[in-house]
């Protein structure tokens, strides 16, 4: 085997698929929507800003999937935390609203984690149940009404503010992605997460506290959902029970397309970022092409199926 072929054989081509797909989709919309403003700086900036909450949720989900678990409740948690923040900000300053939202998100994650790690219940069923509970709580708390956010400091920090000309939403996205990447690739916690997802029995024998890792990743996912709720509330300057409602499929698609394995043991934060931007670009391009939300859902569903097929065709470890 030649050196070039040997090098190519060591490359995980599936990990590069999201980057190739991103370029191809970008080129497709650039050509098809040349006269529709797709390439305008304003439109490209909007894509990044609109995907910020989904990217934050995706970072949390990467850790959950990497450990071999699943979280279906993060979308509903995002809505609830946004509502709680908006309600708190009616009577209190910035900090209590932020604490309540992040605390509620972490609390949902803690409930999920205790049921999965301590009660040994399947994470799919646990988070499916808490998704319904949290979604109902969001509806009950808001009485199905939109709650306005008028706190200028909150809006500047989590929505329309800028630092050195850079939108705060982008700064939050970059901070969360960098923190997630470092934690996953360069800390003992990240190594333990991947070890648990790869082979939980071997991880347990090697001294890793598997239950604690599973608890931690679900709390992390809930906290990321709480931060996403703050970003949603700051960007749209209101909170409604429908926030995050359509993000479940979008975020899962972004993470899987980005190269994180459904079966655990392999994950990438940067891939999830590109996957999130890809999903945002698809939604934006399809809207500019005049396609309805129905077709957007169909396209995203097909992408999820393709990504799952690629993931499950990997050779057994």
Foldseek 3Di string as FASTA:
>chain_A
DDPVVVVVVPDDVLLCQLVVLLVVLVVVLCVVCVVLCCPPPVNLVVLLLVLLLLLLLLLLQLLLLQLQAGALQLLLLLQQLLLQLLVCVVPDADPVSLCSLLVSLLVLLLQLLCCCLVVVDHSVVSNVVVNVVSLVVSCVSQVQDKRFADHPVLLQQQAQNDDPRHRNSVVSSVVSLVVSQCCLPPDPLNVLSLVNLQPVVVSVVVPRSSSVSNSVSSSSSSSSSSSSSSNVCSHVRIGGSCGSVPSSLQSLLLFLSLPRASSHNDGDSVSSVSSSSSLSSLVSSCVSVVHDVVVSVVVSVVSSVVSNVVRVPDDRD
